[in-house]
N, C-alpha and C. Protein backbone atom coordinates (compact mmCIF):
# COMPACT_ATOMS: atom_id res chain seq x y z
N MET A 1 -38.12 -52.51 -90.76
CA MET A 1 -37.49 -51.65 -91.74
C MET A 1 -38.24 -50.32 -91.78
N ASN A 2 -37.53 -49.23 -91.85
CA ASN A 2 -38.20 -47.94 -91.93
C ASN A 2 -38.58 -47.63 -93.37
N ARG A 3 -39.37 -46.62 -93.54
CA ARG A 3 -39.87 -46.28 -94.88
C ARG A 3 -38.74 -45.89 -95.83
N ILE A 4 -37.79 -45.09 -95.35
CA ILE A 4 -36.67 -44.68 -96.21
C ILE A 4 -35.90 -45.92 -96.65
N GLY A 5 -35.60 -46.78 -95.70
CA GLY A 5 -34.87 -48.01 -96.01
C GLY A 5 -35.62 -48.89 -96.99
N GLU A 6 -36.93 -48.99 -96.82
CA GLU A 6 -37.75 -49.79 -97.73
C GLU A 6 -37.69 -49.23 -99.14
N ARG A 7 -37.77 -47.91 -99.24
CA ARG A 7 -37.74 -47.28 -100.57
C ARG A 7 -36.38 -47.47 -101.23
N ILE A 8 -35.31 -47.33 -100.45
CA ILE A 8 -33.96 -47.52 -101.01
C ILE A 8 -33.82 -48.95 -101.52
N LYS A 9 -34.24 -49.91 -100.72
CA LYS A 9 -34.11 -51.31 -101.13
C LYS A 9 -34.95 -51.60 -102.37
N ARG A 10 -36.15 -51.08 -102.40
CA ARG A 10 -37.02 -51.29 -103.56
C ARG A 10 -36.38 -50.73 -104.83
N LYS A 11 -35.85 -49.51 -104.74
CA LYS A 11 -35.19 -48.91 -105.91
C LYS A 11 -33.93 -49.68 -106.28
N ARG A 12 -33.17 -50.10 -105.29
CA ARG A 12 -31.94 -50.88 -105.55
C ARG A 12 -32.29 -52.16 -106.28
N ASP A 13 -33.36 -52.82 -105.85
CA ASP A 13 -33.80 -54.05 -106.50
C ASP A 13 -34.25 -53.79 -107.94
N GLN A 14 -34.91 -52.64 -108.17
CA GLN A 14 -35.34 -52.30 -109.52
C GLN A 14 -34.14 -52.17 -110.47
N PHE A 15 -33.04 -51.67 -109.95
CA PHE A 15 -31.83 -51.51 -110.76
C PHE A 15 -30.96 -52.76 -110.74
N LYS A 16 -31.44 -53.80 -110.05
CA LYS A 16 -30.72 -55.07 -109.95
C LYS A 16 -29.29 -54.89 -109.42
N LEU A 17 -29.19 -54.00 -108.42
CA LEU A 17 -27.91 -53.77 -107.75
C LEU A 17 -27.91 -54.53 -106.44
N ASN A 18 -26.80 -55.18 -106.13
CA ASN A 18 -26.73 -55.78 -104.81
C ASN A 18 -26.23 -54.73 -103.82
N LEU A 19 -26.30 -55.07 -102.57
CA LEU A 19 -25.93 -54.15 -101.49
C LEU A 19 -24.51 -53.62 -101.67
N ASN A 20 -23.58 -54.52 -101.98
CA ASN A 20 -22.17 -54.13 -102.14
C ASN A 20 -21.97 -53.16 -103.29
N GLU A 21 -22.67 -53.39 -104.40
CA GLU A 21 -22.52 -52.53 -105.58
C GLU A 21 -22.98 -51.10 -105.28
N LEU A 22 -24.17 -50.98 -104.68
CA LEU A 22 -24.68 -49.64 -104.39
C LEU A 22 -23.81 -48.95 -103.34
N ALA A 23 -23.42 -49.68 -102.31
CA ALA A 23 -22.59 -49.09 -101.26
C ALA A 23 -21.29 -48.54 -101.85
N LYS A 24 -20.67 -49.31 -102.74
CA LYS A 24 -19.42 -48.87 -103.36
C LYS A 24 -19.63 -47.61 -104.19
N ARG A 25 -20.72 -47.56 -104.95
CA ARG A 25 -21.01 -46.38 -105.78
C ARG A 25 -21.26 -45.14 -104.92
N VAL A 26 -21.88 -45.36 -103.76
CA VAL A 26 -22.22 -44.25 -102.87
C VAL A 26 -21.02 -43.82 -102.02
N GLY A 27 -20.10 -44.77 -101.79
CA GLY A 27 -18.92 -44.46 -100.99
C GLY A 27 -19.10 -44.74 -99.51
N ILE A 28 -19.97 -45.71 -99.21
CA ILE A 28 -20.15 -46.13 -97.82
C ILE A 28 -19.95 -47.64 -97.76
N SER A 29 -19.83 -48.17 -96.56
CA SER A 29 -19.66 -49.61 -96.43
C SER A 29 -20.99 -50.32 -96.67
N SER A 30 -20.89 -51.57 -97.07
CA SER A 30 -22.11 -52.35 -97.28
C SER A 30 -22.87 -52.54 -95.97
N SER A 31 -22.14 -52.62 -94.86
CA SER A 31 -22.82 -52.76 -93.56
C SER A 31 -23.59 -51.48 -93.21
N ALA A 32 -23.03 -50.32 -93.57
CA ALA A 32 -23.74 -49.06 -93.32
C ALA A 32 -25.01 -49.00 -94.15
N LEU A 33 -24.93 -49.39 -95.41
CA LEU A 33 -26.12 -49.39 -96.26
C LEU A 33 -27.15 -50.39 -95.75
N SER A 34 -26.70 -51.53 -95.31
CA SER A 34 -27.61 -52.53 -94.74
C SER A 34 -28.33 -51.97 -93.52
N GLN A 35 -27.60 -51.28 -92.67
CA GLN A 35 -28.22 -50.69 -91.48
C GLN A 35 -29.25 -49.63 -91.86
N ILE A 36 -28.95 -48.85 -92.90
CA ILE A 36 -29.91 -47.84 -93.38
C ILE A 36 -31.17 -48.54 -93.89
N GLU A 37 -30.99 -49.56 -94.72
CA GLU A 37 -32.14 -50.26 -95.29
C GLU A 37 -32.97 -50.96 -94.22
N ASN A 38 -32.35 -51.38 -93.15
CA ASN A 38 -33.06 -52.08 -92.08
C ASN A 38 -33.53 -51.17 -90.95
N GLY A 39 -33.36 -49.86 -91.11
CA GLY A 39 -33.85 -48.92 -90.13
C GLY A 39 -33.04 -48.83 -88.86
N LYS A 40 -31.83 -49.35 -88.89
CA LYS A 40 -30.97 -49.30 -87.70
C LYS A 40 -30.05 -48.09 -87.70
N ALA A 41 -30.00 -47.39 -88.83
CA ALA A 41 -29.20 -46.17 -88.95
C ALA A 41 -29.90 -45.27 -89.95
N PHE A 42 -29.66 -43.98 -89.82
CA PHE A 42 -30.23 -43.02 -90.75
C PHE A 42 -29.11 -42.34 -91.51
N PRO A 43 -29.27 -42.19 -92.82
CA PRO A 43 -28.20 -41.58 -93.62
C PRO A 43 -28.14 -40.08 -93.41
N THR A 44 -26.95 -39.53 -93.60
CA THR A 44 -26.83 -38.07 -93.63
C THR A 44 -27.50 -37.60 -94.91
N ILE A 45 -27.78 -36.33 -95.00
CA ILE A 45 -28.41 -35.79 -96.21
C ILE A 45 -27.47 -35.96 -97.40
N ILE A 46 -26.17 -35.87 -97.18
CA ILE A 46 -25.20 -36.05 -98.27
C ILE A 46 -25.25 -37.50 -98.77
N THR A 47 -25.28 -38.45 -97.86
CA THR A 47 -25.37 -39.86 -98.25
C THR A 47 -26.70 -40.13 -98.93
N LEU A 48 -27.77 -39.58 -98.41
CA LEU A 48 -29.09 -39.79 -99.01
C LEU A 48 -29.13 -39.23 -100.43
N LYS A 49 -28.52 -38.07 -100.64
CA LYS A 49 -28.46 -37.47 -101.98
C LYS A 49 -27.66 -38.36 -102.92
N SER A 50 -26.55 -38.90 -102.45
CA SER A 50 -25.73 -39.79 -103.27
C SER A 50 -26.49 -41.07 -103.62
N ILE A 51 -27.20 -41.62 -102.66
CA ILE A 51 -28.01 -42.82 -102.92
C ILE A 51 -29.07 -42.49 -103.97
N ALA A 52 -29.76 -41.37 -103.80
CA ALA A 52 -30.79 -40.95 -104.75
C ALA A 52 -30.20 -40.80 -106.15
N ASP A 53 -29.05 -40.17 -106.25
CA ASP A 53 -28.41 -39.98 -107.56
C ASP A 53 -28.10 -41.32 -108.21
N GLN A 54 -27.56 -42.25 -107.44
CA GLN A 54 -27.21 -43.56 -107.99
C GLN A 54 -28.44 -44.36 -108.40
N LEU A 55 -29.56 -44.11 -107.76
CA LEU A 55 -30.79 -44.83 -108.06
C LEU A 55 -31.71 -44.03 -108.99
N GLN A 56 -31.17 -42.96 -109.56
CA GLN A 56 -31.88 -42.10 -110.51
C GLN A 56 -33.25 -41.68 -109.99
N THR A 57 -33.24 -41.19 -108.75
CA THR A 57 -34.46 -40.71 -108.13
C THR A 57 -34.12 -39.44 -107.36
N THR A 58 -35.05 -38.98 -106.56
CA THR A 58 -34.82 -37.77 -105.77
C THR A 58 -34.82 -38.10 -104.29
N VAL A 59 -34.23 -37.22 -103.52
CA VAL A 59 -34.28 -37.36 -102.07
C VAL A 59 -35.74 -37.33 -101.63
N GLY A 60 -36.51 -36.44 -102.24
CA GLY A 60 -37.93 -36.34 -101.90
C GLY A 60 -38.67 -37.65 -102.06
N GLU A 61 -38.38 -38.38 -103.14
CA GLU A 61 -39.04 -39.67 -103.34
C GLU A 61 -38.60 -40.66 -102.28
N LEU A 62 -37.32 -40.66 -101.93
CA LEU A 62 -36.83 -41.61 -100.92
C LEU A 62 -37.41 -41.33 -99.54
N ILE A 63 -37.65 -40.06 -99.23
CA ILE A 63 -38.20 -39.74 -97.91
C ILE A 63 -39.72 -39.73 -97.89
N GLY A 64 -40.34 -39.97 -99.05
CA GLY A 64 -41.79 -40.03 -99.11
C GLY A 64 -42.45 -38.67 -99.10
N GLU A 65 -41.78 -37.70 -99.68
CA GLU A 65 -42.25 -36.33 -99.68
C GLU A 65 -43.67 -36.17 -100.24
N ASN A 66 -44.01 -36.96 -101.23
CA ASN A 66 -45.31 -36.80 -101.88
C ASN A 66 -46.39 -37.73 -101.35
N GLU A 67 -46.05 -38.51 -100.33
CA GLU A 67 -47.05 -39.40 -99.75
C GLU A 67 -47.94 -38.62 -98.80
N SER A 68 -49.22 -38.92 -98.86
CA SER A 68 -50.13 -38.25 -97.95
C SER A 68 -50.06 -38.92 -96.58
N VAL A 69 -50.18 -38.12 -95.57
CA VAL A 69 -50.15 -38.62 -94.20
C VAL A 69 -51.59 -38.71 -93.71
N GLN A 70 -51.96 -39.88 -93.22
CA GLN A 70 -53.31 -40.05 -92.70
C GLN A 70 -53.29 -39.82 -91.20
N MET A 71 -54.13 -38.92 -90.78
CA MET A 71 -54.25 -38.61 -89.36
C MET A 71 -55.36 -39.47 -88.76
N PRO A 72 -55.17 -39.94 -87.55
CA PRO A 72 -56.22 -40.76 -86.91
C PRO A 72 -57.46 -39.95 -86.60
């Protein structure tokens, strides 16, 4: 699972939404959302914004904007 997908799933679980419920609210198929959460597909910025809105968060939080990157 990629980091964006992990964050989406974590937030979805916090709101006690199942995959189908969030997908319907966002306007994408549940299989598309599943692929995003499992790192097999990447959302468009429009889809990512819609997901963030439904999960009452920001795109920045979903993409890990504030996480520090550790260099080797």
